[in-house]
N, C-alpha and C. Protein backbone atom coordinates (compact mmCIF):
# COMPACT_ATOMS: atom_id res chain seq x y z
N MET A 1 -176.85 69.46 1.61
CA MET A 1 -175.69 69.13 0.81
C MET A 1 -176.06 68.99 -0.65
N ALA A 2 -177.00 69.75 -1.12
CA ALA A 2 -177.42 69.63 -2.51
C ALA A 2 -176.32 70.02 -3.47
N ASP A 3 -175.41 70.94 -3.08
CA ASP A 3 -174.37 71.39 -3.99
C ASP A 3 -173.02 70.73 -3.70
N GLY A 4 -172.86 70.05 -2.59
CA GLY A 4 -171.56 69.52 -2.19
C GLY A 4 -171.17 68.31 -3.02
N PHE A 5 -169.90 67.96 -2.96
CA PHE A 5 -169.41 66.82 -3.71
C PHE A 5 -169.89 65.50 -3.12
N GLY A 6 -170.46 65.54 -1.91
CA GLY A 6 -171.01 64.34 -1.29
C GLY A 6 -172.38 63.98 -1.87
N SER A 7 -173.06 64.91 -2.53
CA SER A 7 -174.38 64.64 -3.08
C SER A 7 -174.27 64.18 -4.52
N ALA A 8 -175.36 63.68 -5.05
CA ALA A 8 -175.38 63.22 -6.44
C ALA A 8 -175.06 64.38 -7.39
N GLY A 9 -175.61 65.56 -7.11
CA GLY A 9 -175.34 66.72 -7.97
C GLY A 9 -173.89 67.15 -7.88
N GLY A 10 -173.34 67.08 -6.68
CA GLY A 10 -171.94 67.46 -6.48
C GLY A 10 -170.99 66.51 -7.18
N ARG A 11 -171.31 65.21 -7.14
CA ARG A 11 -170.45 64.23 -7.83
C ARG A 11 -170.50 64.45 -9.33
N ALA A 12 -171.67 64.79 -9.85
CA ALA A 12 -171.79 65.06 -11.28
C ALA A 12 -170.95 66.28 -11.66
N GLU A 13 -170.98 67.31 -10.79
CA GLU A 13 -170.15 68.49 -11.06
C GLU A 13 -168.67 68.13 -11.01
N GLY A 14 -168.30 67.27 -10.07
CA GLY A 14 -166.91 66.82 -9.97
C GLY A 14 -166.48 66.07 -11.21
N ARG A 15 -167.38 65.20 -11.70
CA ARG A 15 -167.06 64.46 -12.93
C ARG A 15 -166.96 65.42 -14.11
N ALA A 16 -167.82 66.41 -14.16
CA ALA A 16 -167.78 67.38 -15.25
C ALA A 16 -166.48 68.18 -15.21
N ALA A 17 -166.00 68.47 -14.00
CA ALA A 17 -164.74 69.21 -13.88
C ALA A 17 -163.57 68.37 -14.39
N LEU A 18 -163.72 67.04 -14.32
CA LEU A 18 -162.66 66.17 -14.83
C LEU A 18 -162.93 65.74 -16.26
N SER A 19 -163.78 66.47 -16.95
CA SER A 19 -164.01 66.20 -18.36
C SER A 19 -162.72 66.53 -19.11
N SER A 20 -162.78 66.59 -20.40
CA SER A 20 -161.56 66.82 -21.19
C SER A 20 -160.81 68.07 -20.75
N GLY A 21 -161.50 69.15 -20.50
CA GLY A 21 -160.84 70.38 -20.04
C GLY A 21 -160.21 70.21 -18.67
N GLY A 22 -160.92 69.53 -17.79
CA GLY A 22 -160.41 69.28 -16.46
C GLY A 22 -159.21 68.34 -16.47
N LEU A 23 -159.27 67.32 -17.33
CA LEU A 23 -158.15 66.40 -17.45
C LEU A 23 -156.90 67.09 -18.00
N VAL A 24 -157.11 67.98 -18.95
CA VAL A 24 -155.99 68.73 -19.50
C VAL A 24 -155.36 69.60 -18.41
N SER A 25 -156.21 70.21 -17.58
CA SER A 25 -155.69 71.03 -16.48
C SER A 25 -154.88 70.20 -15.50
N VAL A 26 -155.38 69.01 -15.17
CA VAL A 26 -154.64 68.11 -14.27
C VAL A 26 -153.33 67.68 -14.92
N LEU A 27 -153.37 67.36 -16.20
CA LEU A 27 -152.16 66.95 -16.92
C LEU A 27 -151.14 68.09 -16.95
N ARG A 28 -151.62 69.31 -17.16
CA ARG A 28 -150.72 70.46 -17.13
C ARG A 28 -150.05 70.61 -15.77
N LEU A 29 -150.82 70.46 -14.73
CA LEU A 29 -150.31 70.58 -13.37
C LEU A 29 -149.27 69.49 -13.08
N ILE A 30 -149.60 68.25 -13.40
CA ILE A 30 -148.68 67.14 -13.19
C ILE A 30 -147.41 67.33 -14.01
N ALA A 31 -147.55 67.77 -15.25
CA ALA A 31 -146.39 67.95 -16.12
C ALA A 31 -145.44 69.02 -15.59
N VAL A 32 -145.96 70.17 -15.18
CA VAL A 32 -145.08 71.24 -14.71
C VAL A 32 -144.41 70.88 -13.38
N ILE A 33 -145.15 70.23 -12.50
CA ILE A 33 -144.55 69.81 -11.23
C ILE A 33 -143.52 68.71 -11.46
N GLY A 34 -143.89 67.73 -12.27
CA GLY A 34 -142.94 66.64 -12.59
C GLY A 34 -141.70 67.15 -13.29
N ALA A 35 -141.86 68.06 -14.24
CA ALA A 35 -140.71 68.63 -14.94
C ALA A 35 -139.81 69.39 -13.97
N THR A 36 -140.42 70.12 -13.05
CA THR A 36 -139.64 70.89 -12.08
C THR A 36 -138.86 69.96 -11.15
N VAL A 37 -139.51 68.94 -10.64
CA VAL A 37 -138.84 68.02 -9.72
C VAL A 37 -137.70 67.27 -10.42
N THR A 38 -137.97 66.70 -11.59
CA THR A 38 -136.93 65.91 -12.27
C THR A 38 -135.80 66.79 -12.78
N THR A 39 -136.10 67.99 -13.23
CA THR A 39 -135.04 68.90 -13.68
C THR A 39 -134.20 69.34 -12.48
N GLY A 40 -134.83 69.55 -11.34
CA GLY A 40 -134.08 69.88 -10.13
C GLY A 40 -133.19 68.73 -9.70
N LEU A 41 -133.70 67.51 -9.79
CA LEU A 41 -132.89 66.35 -9.42
C LEU A 41 -131.67 66.20 -10.33
N ILE A 42 -131.86 66.32 -11.64
CA ILE A 42 -130.72 66.10 -12.53
C ILE A 42 -129.74 67.27 -12.48
N SER A 43 -130.22 68.49 -12.31
CA SER A 43 -129.27 69.60 -12.18
C SER A 43 -128.49 69.45 -10.88
N GLY A 44 -129.14 68.97 -9.83
CA GLY A 44 -128.44 68.71 -8.58
C GLY A 44 -127.43 67.59 -8.72
N PHE A 45 -127.75 66.58 -9.50
CA PHE A 45 -126.81 65.48 -9.76
C PHE A 45 -125.56 66.01 -10.45
N PHE A 46 -125.74 66.78 -11.52
CA PHE A 46 -124.59 67.35 -12.23
C PHE A 46 -123.79 68.27 -11.32
N TYR A 47 -124.47 69.07 -10.52
CA TYR A 47 -123.82 69.98 -9.59
C TYR A 47 -123.01 69.20 -8.54
N ALA A 48 -123.59 68.16 -8.00
CA ALA A 48 -122.89 67.35 -6.99
C ALA A 48 -121.62 66.74 -7.59
N TYR A 49 -121.69 66.32 -8.82
CA TYR A 49 -120.49 65.82 -9.50
C TYR A 49 -119.43 66.91 -9.55
N ALA A 50 -119.85 68.12 -9.95
CA ALA A 50 -118.91 69.22 -10.13
C ALA A 50 -118.25 69.64 -8.82
N CYS A 51 -118.97 69.58 -7.73
CA CYS A 51 -118.41 70.11 -6.48
C CYS A 51 -117.98 69.03 -5.50
N SER A 52 -118.08 67.76 -5.89
CA SER A 52 -117.60 66.72 -4.98
C SER A 52 -116.85 65.60 -5.70
N VAL A 53 -117.51 64.94 -6.63
CA VAL A 53 -116.89 63.79 -7.29
C VAL A 53 -115.63 64.19 -8.04
N THR A 54 -115.73 65.21 -8.88
CA THR A 54 -114.55 65.59 -9.67
C THR A 54 -113.43 66.14 -8.79
N LEU A 55 -113.78 66.79 -7.71
CA LEU A 55 -112.75 67.30 -6.80
C LEU A 55 -112.06 66.15 -6.06
N GLY A 56 -112.84 65.18 -5.64
CA GLY A 56 -112.26 64.03 -4.94
C GLY A 56 -111.42 63.15 -5.84
N THR A 57 -111.93 62.87 -7.04
CA THR A 57 -111.17 62.01 -7.95
C THR A 57 -109.92 62.70 -8.47
N ALA A 58 -109.90 64.02 -8.48
CA ALA A 58 -108.71 64.75 -8.94
C ALA A 58 -107.51 64.47 -8.05
N LEU A 59 -107.74 64.07 -6.83
CA LEU A 59 -106.65 63.80 -5.88
C LEU A 59 -106.04 62.42 -6.06
N LEU A 60 -106.66 61.58 -6.86
CA LEU A 60 -106.20 60.20 -7.03
C LEU A 60 -105.07 60.09 -8.06
N PRO A 61 -104.18 59.11 -7.87
CA PRO A 61 -103.19 58.82 -8.92
C PRO A 61 -103.92 58.30 -10.17
N ASP A 62 -103.25 58.34 -11.30
CA ASP A 62 -103.88 58.02 -12.60
C ASP A 62 -104.63 56.69 -12.60
N GLU A 63 -104.00 55.61 -12.15
CA GLU A 63 -104.64 54.30 -12.18
C GLU A 63 -105.90 54.29 -11.32
N GLN A 64 -105.84 54.87 -10.14
CA GLN A 64 -107.01 54.91 -9.25
C GLN A 64 -108.09 55.83 -9.81
N TYR A 65 -107.68 56.94 -10.43
CA TYR A 65 -108.65 57.84 -11.05
C TYR A 65 -109.43 57.10 -12.13
N ILE A 66 -108.71 56.44 -13.02
CA ILE A 66 -109.37 55.73 -14.13
C ILE A 66 -110.25 54.62 -13.58
N ALA A 67 -109.78 53.88 -12.60
CA ALA A 67 -110.58 52.81 -12.00
C ALA A 67 -111.86 53.39 -11.37
N ALA A 68 -111.73 54.49 -10.65
CA ALA A 68 -112.89 55.11 -10.01
C ALA A 68 -113.90 55.59 -11.05
N MET A 69 -113.43 56.28 -12.07
CA MET A 69 -114.35 56.79 -13.09
C MET A 69 -114.99 55.65 -13.88
N GLN A 70 -114.22 54.59 -14.16
CA GLN A 70 -114.81 53.44 -14.85
C GLN A 70 -115.92 52.82 -13.99
N ALA A 71 -115.68 52.71 -12.69
CA ALA A 71 -116.68 52.12 -11.80
C ALA A 71 -117.92 53.02 -11.71
N ILE A 72 -117.72 54.32 -11.58
CA ILE A 72 -118.85 55.26 -11.52
C ILE A 72 -119.65 55.20 -12.81
N ASN A 73 -118.95 55.26 -13.94
CA ASN A 73 -119.63 55.26 -15.24
C ASN A 73 -120.37 53.95 -15.50
N ALA A 74 -119.85 52.85 -14.98
CA ALA A 74 -120.50 51.54 -15.18
C ALA A 74 -121.76 51.41 -14.34
N THR A 75 -121.83 52.14 -13.23
CA THR A 75 -122.98 51.98 -12.33
C THR A 75 -123.99 53.12 -12.40
N VAL A 76 -123.64 54.23 -13.05
CA VAL A 76 -124.54 55.38 -13.06
C VAL A 76 -125.80 55.13 -13.89
N ARG A 77 -125.72 54.25 -14.82
CA ARG A 77 -126.89 53.94 -15.65
C ARG A 77 -127.79 52.98 -14.87
N ASN A 78 -128.65 53.56 -14.08
CA ASN A 78 -129.57 52.78 -13.25
C ASN A 78 -130.93 53.45 -13.25
N GLY A 79 -131.89 52.78 -12.66
CA GLY A 79 -133.26 53.29 -12.67
C GLY A 79 -133.44 54.61 -11.97
N VAL A 80 -132.74 54.81 -10.87
CA VAL A 80 -132.87 56.06 -10.13
C VAL A 80 -132.36 57.23 -10.97
N PHE A 81 -131.21 57.05 -11.61
CA PHE A 81 -130.66 58.08 -12.49
C PHE A 81 -131.60 58.31 -13.68
N ALA A 82 -132.11 57.23 -14.25
CA ALA A 82 -132.97 57.34 -15.44
C ALA A 82 -134.22 58.17 -15.18
N VAL A 83 -134.78 58.04 -13.98
CA VAL A 83 -135.99 58.80 -13.66
C VAL A 83 -135.73 60.29 -13.82
N SER A 84 -134.61 60.77 -13.32
CA SER A 84 -134.33 62.21 -13.43
C SER A 84 -133.79 62.58 -14.80
N PHE A 85 -132.85 61.82 -15.34
CA PHE A 85 -132.22 62.19 -16.61
C PHE A 85 -133.21 62.14 -17.78
N PHE A 86 -133.88 61.01 -17.95
CA PHE A 86 -134.86 60.87 -19.03
C PHE A 86 -136.19 61.51 -18.65
N GLY A 87 -136.54 61.43 -17.37
CA GLY A 87 -137.79 62.01 -16.90
C GLY A 87 -137.86 63.51 -17.11
N ALA A 88 -136.74 64.20 -16.86
CA ALA A 88 -136.73 65.66 -17.07
C ALA A 88 -137.00 65.99 -18.53
N ALA A 89 -136.36 65.27 -19.44
CA ALA A 89 -136.59 65.53 -20.87
C ALA A 89 -138.04 65.25 -21.24
N ALA A 90 -138.56 64.10 -20.83
CA ALA A 90 -139.92 63.72 -21.19
C ALA A 90 -140.96 64.66 -20.57
N LEU A 91 -140.79 64.99 -19.30
CA LEU A 91 -141.79 65.83 -18.64
C LEU A 91 -141.71 67.29 -19.09
N LEU A 92 -140.52 67.77 -19.43
CA LEU A 92 -140.42 69.12 -20.00
C LEU A 92 -141.12 69.18 -21.35
N LEU A 93 -140.89 68.16 -22.18
CA LEU A 93 -141.58 68.11 -23.47
C LEU A 93 -143.09 68.04 -23.28
N LEU A 94 -143.54 67.21 -22.34
CA LEU A 94 -144.97 67.11 -22.05
C LEU A 94 -145.53 68.44 -21.56
N ALA A 95 -144.79 69.10 -20.68
CA ALA A 95 -145.25 70.39 -20.15
C ALA A 95 -145.42 71.43 -21.26
N VAL A 96 -144.55 71.36 -22.26
CA VAL A 96 -144.66 72.29 -23.40
C VAL A 96 -145.82 71.88 -24.30
N VAL A 97 -145.92 70.60 -24.61
CA VAL A 97 -146.98 70.11 -25.52
C VAL A 97 -148.37 70.40 -24.97
N VAL A 98 -148.59 70.18 -23.68
CA VAL A 98 -149.94 70.40 -23.13
C VAL A 98 -150.28 71.88 -23.04
N ARG A 99 -149.30 72.73 -23.26
CA ARG A 99 -149.56 74.18 -23.26
C ARG A 99 -149.54 74.78 -24.67
N LEU A 100 -149.41 73.95 -25.68
CA LEU A 100 -149.39 74.45 -27.06
C LEU A 100 -150.62 75.28 -27.43
N PRO A 101 -151.80 74.97 -26.89
CA PRO A 101 -152.95 75.83 -27.21
C PRO A 101 -152.78 77.27 -26.70
N ARG A 102 -151.83 77.51 -25.79
CA ARG A 102 -151.61 78.86 -25.25
C ARG A 102 -150.15 79.27 -25.44
N PRO A 103 -149.67 79.31 -26.70
CA PRO A 103 -148.24 79.56 -26.94
C PRO A 103 -147.76 80.97 -26.59
N ARG A 104 -148.68 81.88 -26.36
CA ARG A 104 -148.27 83.25 -26.02
C ARG A 104 -148.27 83.50 -24.52
N SER A 105 -148.56 82.48 -23.73
CA SER A 105 -148.57 82.66 -22.28
C SER A 105 -147.15 82.70 -21.74
N VAL A 106 -146.97 83.37 -20.64
CA VAL A 106 -145.66 83.46 -19.99
C VAL A 106 -145.21 82.06 -19.55
N ARG A 107 -146.11 81.29 -19.00
CA ARG A 107 -145.76 79.94 -18.53
C ARG A 107 -145.27 79.08 -19.69
N PHE A 108 -145.93 79.16 -20.83
CA PHE A 108 -145.48 78.40 -22.01
C PHE A 108 -144.07 78.83 -22.39
N ALA A 109 -143.81 80.12 -22.43
CA ALA A 109 -142.48 80.61 -22.81
C ALA A 109 -141.41 80.14 -21.82
N LEU A 110 -141.70 80.19 -20.53
CA LEU A 110 -140.74 79.73 -19.52
C LEU A 110 -140.44 78.24 -19.68
N LEU A 111 -141.49 77.46 -19.88
CA LEU A 111 -141.29 76.02 -20.02
C LEU A 111 -140.63 75.65 -21.34
N ALA A 112 -140.96 76.35 -22.41
CA ALA A 112 -140.32 76.08 -23.70
C ALA A 112 -138.82 76.38 -23.62
N LEU A 113 -138.46 77.48 -22.97
CA LEU A 113 -137.05 77.81 -22.82
C LEU A 113 -136.35 76.80 -21.91
N ALA A 114 -137.00 76.41 -20.82
CA ALA A 114 -136.43 75.40 -19.93
C ALA A 114 -136.20 74.09 -20.69
N CYS A 115 -137.16 73.71 -21.50
CA CYS A 115 -137.07 72.49 -22.30
C CYS A 115 -135.88 72.57 -23.27
N ALA A 116 -135.75 73.68 -23.96
CA ALA A 116 -134.64 73.85 -24.92
C ALA A 116 -133.29 73.82 -24.20
N LEU A 117 -133.20 74.48 -23.07
CA LEU A 117 -131.94 74.52 -22.32
C LEU A 117 -131.55 73.14 -21.81
N TYR A 118 -132.52 72.41 -21.23
CA TYR A 118 -132.17 71.10 -20.69
C TYR A 118 -131.89 70.09 -21.82
N ILE A 119 -132.76 70.04 -22.80
CA ILE A 119 -132.57 69.04 -23.85
C ILE A 119 -131.29 69.32 -24.64
N GLY A 120 -131.05 70.59 -24.97
CA GLY A 120 -129.84 70.91 -25.71
C GLY A 120 -128.58 70.90 -24.87
N GLY A 121 -128.64 71.53 -23.70
CA GLY A 121 -127.44 71.72 -22.89
C GLY A 121 -127.22 70.71 -21.80
N GLY A 122 -128.21 69.88 -21.52
CA GLY A 122 -128.06 68.85 -20.49
C GLY A 122 -128.15 67.46 -21.09
N PHE A 123 -129.30 67.15 -21.66
CA PHE A 123 -129.57 65.81 -22.17
C PHE A 123 -128.70 65.46 -23.38
N LEU A 124 -128.80 66.26 -24.45
CA LEU A 124 -128.04 65.94 -25.67
C LEU A 124 -126.53 66.08 -25.45
N LEU A 125 -126.12 67.07 -24.70
CA LEU A 125 -124.70 67.23 -24.40
C LEU A 125 -124.17 65.97 -23.71
N THR A 126 -124.92 65.45 -22.76
CA THR A 126 -124.52 64.22 -22.07
C THR A 126 -124.42 63.06 -23.05
N MET A 127 -125.45 62.90 -23.88
CA MET A 127 -125.49 61.77 -24.81
C MET A 127 -124.43 61.86 -25.90
N LEU A 128 -124.13 63.08 -26.35
CA LEU A 128 -123.21 63.25 -27.48
C LEU A 128 -121.76 63.50 -27.07
N ILE A 129 -121.52 63.93 -25.84
CA ILE A 129 -120.14 64.24 -25.43
C ILE A 129 -119.72 63.40 -24.22
N ASN A 130 -120.41 63.54 -23.10
CA ASN A 130 -119.97 62.85 -21.88
C ASN A 130 -120.04 61.33 -22.01
N VAL A 131 -121.12 60.79 -22.53
CA VAL A 131 -121.26 59.34 -22.64
C VAL A 131 -120.19 58.75 -23.57
N PRO A 132 -119.95 59.31 -24.76
CA PRO A 132 -118.87 58.76 -25.59
C PRO A 132 -117.49 58.84 -24.90
N MET A 133 -117.26 59.91 -24.15
CA MET A 133 -116.00 59.99 -23.42
C MET A 133 -115.92 58.89 -22.36
N ASN A 134 -117.04 58.63 -21.69
CA ASN A 134 -117.08 57.55 -20.69
C ASN A 134 -116.82 56.20 -21.34
N GLU A 135 -117.42 55.99 -22.50
CA GLU A 135 -117.24 54.71 -23.20
C GLU A 135 -115.79 54.53 -23.66
N GLU A 136 -115.17 55.61 -24.08
CA GLU A 136 -113.77 55.53 -24.48
C GLU A 136 -112.88 55.23 -23.28
N LEU A 137 -113.15 55.86 -22.15
CA LEU A 137 -112.36 55.60 -20.94
C LEU A 137 -112.53 54.15 -20.48
N ALA A 138 -113.70 53.58 -20.71
CA ALA A 138 -113.97 52.20 -20.31
C ALA A 138 -113.06 51.21 -21.03
N THR A 139 -112.52 51.58 -22.17
CA THR A 139 -111.65 50.67 -22.94
C THR A 139 -110.21 50.68 -22.43
N VAL A 140 -109.88 51.61 -21.55
CA VAL A 140 -108.51 51.71 -21.03
C VAL A 140 -108.27 50.59 -20.02
N SER A 141 -107.24 49.81 -20.24
CA SER A 141 -106.89 48.73 -19.32
C SER A 141 -106.10 49.30 -18.14
N LEU A 142 -106.48 48.89 -16.95
CA LEU A 142 -105.77 49.34 -15.76
C LEU A 142 -104.37 48.72 -15.67
N ASP A 143 -104.13 47.72 -16.48
CA ASP A 143 -102.81 47.09 -16.54
C ASP A 143 -101.88 47.79 -17.53
N ALA A 144 -102.36 48.83 -18.19
CA ALA A 144 -101.55 49.55 -19.18
C ALA A 144 -100.38 50.24 -18.47
N PRO A 145 -99.32 50.54 -19.23
CA PRO A 145 -98.19 51.26 -18.64
C PRO A 145 -98.61 52.62 -18.09
N ALA A 146 -97.86 53.12 -17.13
CA ALA A 146 -98.17 54.39 -16.47
C ALA A 146 -98.33 55.53 -17.47
N ARG A 147 -97.52 55.55 -18.52
CA ARG A 147 -97.60 56.60 -19.54
C ARG A 147 -98.96 56.58 -20.24
N VAL A 148 -99.45 55.39 -20.56
CA VAL A 148 -100.75 55.24 -21.23
C VAL A 148 -101.88 55.70 -20.31
N LEU A 149 -101.79 55.33 -19.03
CA LEU A 149 -102.81 55.76 -18.07
C LEU A 149 -102.81 57.27 -17.91
N ALA A 150 -101.63 57.87 -17.87
CA ALA A 150 -101.53 59.33 -17.74
C ALA A 150 -102.11 60.02 -18.96
N GLU A 151 -101.84 59.48 -20.15
CA GLU A 151 -102.38 60.07 -21.39
C GLU A 151 -103.91 59.93 -21.45
N ALA A 152 -104.40 58.76 -21.04
CA ALA A 152 -105.86 58.55 -21.05
C ALA A 152 -106.55 59.50 -20.09
N ARG A 153 -105.95 59.67 -18.93
CA ARG A 153 -106.53 60.59 -17.96
C ARG A 153 -106.51 62.02 -18.48
N ALA A 154 -105.38 62.44 -19.05
CA ALA A 154 -105.25 63.80 -19.57
C ALA A 154 -106.26 64.07 -20.68
N ALA A 155 -106.54 63.07 -21.50
CA ALA A 155 -107.50 63.23 -22.61
C ALA A 155 -108.94 63.27 -22.11
N TYR A 156 -109.17 62.75 -20.91
CA TYR A 156 -110.53 62.61 -20.40
C TYR A 156 -110.90 63.66 -19.35
N GLU A 157 -110.08 63.80 -18.33
CA GLU A 157 -110.47 64.53 -17.13
C GLU A 157 -110.87 65.98 -17.37
N GLU A 158 -109.98 66.77 -17.93
CA GLU A 158 -110.28 68.20 -18.10
C GLU A 158 -111.45 68.44 -19.05
N PRO A 159 -111.47 67.79 -20.24
CA PRO A 159 -112.63 68.01 -21.13
C PRO A 159 -113.94 67.52 -20.50
N TRP A 160 -113.91 66.37 -19.83
CA TRP A 160 -115.13 65.85 -19.22
C TRP A 160 -115.64 66.80 -18.14
N ASN A 161 -114.75 67.31 -17.31
CA ASN A 161 -115.14 68.24 -16.25
C ASN A 161 -115.70 69.54 -16.85
N PHE A 162 -115.09 70.02 -17.93
CA PHE A 162 -115.60 71.23 -18.59
C PHE A 162 -117.04 71.01 -19.06
N TRP A 163 -117.28 69.91 -19.78
CA TRP A 163 -118.61 69.66 -20.31
C TRP A 163 -119.61 69.36 -19.21
N ASN A 164 -119.16 68.76 -18.11
CA ASN A 164 -120.05 68.58 -16.98
C ASN A 164 -120.45 69.94 -16.41
N GLY A 165 -119.51 70.88 -16.37
CA GLY A 165 -119.83 72.24 -15.92
C GLY A 165 -120.87 72.90 -16.82
N VAL A 166 -120.72 72.71 -18.12
CA VAL A 166 -121.67 73.29 -19.08
C VAL A 166 -123.06 72.70 -18.86
N ARG A 167 -123.15 71.39 -18.75
CA ARG A 167 -124.48 70.78 -18.57
C ARG A 167 -125.07 71.13 -17.21
N THR A 168 -124.21 71.36 -16.23
CA THR A 168 -124.69 71.80 -14.92
C THR A 168 -125.34 73.17 -15.02
N VAL A 169 -124.69 74.09 -15.72
CA VAL A 169 -125.23 75.44 -15.88
C VAL A 169 -126.55 75.40 -16.65
N PHE A 170 -126.59 74.70 -17.76
CA PHE A 170 -127.81 74.65 -18.57
C PHE A 170 -128.96 73.99 -17.82
N SER A 171 -128.67 72.91 -17.12
CA SER A 171 -129.71 72.21 -16.36
C SER A 171 -130.21 73.06 -15.19
N THR A 172 -129.32 73.78 -14.56
CA THR A 172 -129.71 74.65 -13.44
C THR A 172 -130.56 75.81 -13.95
N LEU A 173 -130.20 76.37 -15.08
CA LEU A 173 -131.03 77.42 -15.68
C LEU A 173 -132.42 76.89 -16.02
N ALA A 174 -132.47 75.68 -16.56
CA ALA A 174 -133.76 75.06 -16.88
C ALA A 174 -134.58 74.87 -15.61
N PHE A 175 -133.93 74.42 -14.54
CA PHE A 175 -134.62 74.24 -13.26
C PHE A 175 -135.18 75.57 -12.75
N GLY A 176 -134.39 76.62 -12.84
CA GLY A 176 -134.84 77.95 -12.42
C GLY A 176 -136.05 78.41 -13.21
N LEU A 177 -136.06 78.14 -14.51
CA LEU A 177 -137.20 78.52 -15.34
C LEU A 177 -138.44 77.70 -14.99
N CYS A 178 -138.24 76.43 -14.64
CA CYS A 178 -139.38 75.62 -14.19
C CYS A 178 -139.97 76.18 -12.90
N ILE A 179 -139.10 76.59 -11.99
CA ILE A 179 -139.58 77.21 -10.75
C ILE A 179 -140.36 78.48 -11.07
N ALA A 180 -139.82 79.28 -11.98
CA ALA A 180 -140.51 80.52 -12.37
C ALA A 180 -141.87 80.20 -12.97
N ALA A 181 -141.96 79.12 -13.77
CA ALA A 181 -143.25 78.73 -14.35
C ALA A 181 -144.23 78.32 -13.25
N CYS A 182 -143.73 77.62 -12.23
CA CYS A 182 -144.60 77.23 -11.11
C CYS A 182 -145.07 78.44 -10.31
N LEU A 183 -144.22 79.44 -10.19
CA LEU A 183 -144.54 80.60 -9.38
C LEU A 183 -145.30 81.69 -10.13
N HIS A 184 -145.42 81.53 -11.44
CA HIS A 184 -146.12 82.55 -12.22
C HIS A 184 -147.52 82.73 -11.67
N LYS A 185 -148.00 83.96 -11.68
CA LYS A 185 -149.24 84.33 -10.98
C LYS A 185 -150.48 83.60 -11.50
N ASP A 186 -150.48 83.12 -12.73
CA ASP A 186 -151.64 82.40 -13.24
C ASP A 186 -151.78 81.06 -12.53
N ASP A 187 -152.98 80.51 -12.59
CA ASP A 187 -153.24 79.19 -12.03
C ASP A 187 -152.34 78.19 -12.74
N LEU A 188 -151.69 77.28 -11.99
CA LEU A 188 -150.79 76.30 -12.57
C LEU A 188 -151.45 75.44 -13.63
N ALA A 189 -152.71 75.15 -13.46
CA ALA A 189 -153.40 74.28 -14.41
C ALA A 189 -153.73 75.02 -15.70
N ALA A 190 -153.66 76.36 -15.68
CA ALA A 190 -154.03 77.13 -16.89
C ALA A 190 -152.92 77.11 -17.91
């Protein structure tokens, strides 16, 4: 076992493999896998909203619709959601940064495009459009007259659903690009 990792020489080789170059390779691998998983989770979250939540809430009368959306919006900001929503942005950025030394590689291009699509079309769109709409809906009193509830719903529902569809498409495209980066023929750590 002179060459194996069980011997003193093998352990030294193992430590050498985890030197700065080895650590960068491990970081690259963790970043691309983490970015793929979290981007898949958040694109699936947006998709599930589009094909279930919005369809179900559309059947509710105005007061119940507003109450349901206020309750959903008040509880969606939680740790589980944060892992995918913020994690996708952070891990995509990390996946791009750790590949900056190889900016002409196919994997770098796939991840850079995925990062731009998610951050621009998923993350920022949510922060700049959907969240302010949610906060505005939160100010609507359920005791308001029926006309006010109908107007609040009309101002919220269709635009919110449209922008959710946009962020779903952008996030799903980013997820697909992450998968392509994982499947690219080069070693994932490279």
